[in-house]
């Protein structure tokens, strides 16, 4: 087989799980490398698994080459237990993945972030996400594509009560969302994944581009 190689972190999560499935089915890729802490149960001839503690992520990914890197790792402060642990996962591990990717020759880095991400935000969650965007965008990738979904729809392994409440509110106000407000519309995790995989096949776009709800809908069309 000929084709590109994709590397994915967060394959056991909501967006990452769908992303892994789509990458394995895509004719654009001849190999898909899934990096995870928990076992990935899928078996496929194109799949290469790297199961490791993320505290040893850099060593585990040494000389692991790919064309496109999909960063779908993420948690919540509630799930992590503390702000420090949340920062360690959503910023530390994700940035380590990005550094390994660029070192190993990855050209296109695709990152799942969050609506409201801003390195200067007074809100801790948004500040962490914004700082990660800023740092990954500064690395020597040919392209960085950042996806900022609002409330994600789909079945998760873990429950996220805050997200569920936000999703219910989003569904109530959805008919009234117009213009820029459309970006707070809820979106299926499967659609975010599909938008990412579609984005990886596009050309002639800015080196760093942010995709919000409306932009992802265009990629899905």
Foldseek 3Di string as FASTA:
>chain_A
DDAFEEEEEPCQWFLNVLLVVVQLVDPRHQAYEYEYQDDDPDDDPRYDYQHDDLVCVLVSLALVAGAEYEYPWADDCVVLVHLVSRLCGLAVSSVSVLVSHVVNPHAEYEYEAAPQQDCPDPDSRSNSRVVNLVNSLPGPHQAYEYEHAAQEDDDGPDDDVVSVVLLVVLVVCVVVQDDPSNLNHYYYSSLVSQLRVLVVPDDDDDRYDYATDVNSVVSVD
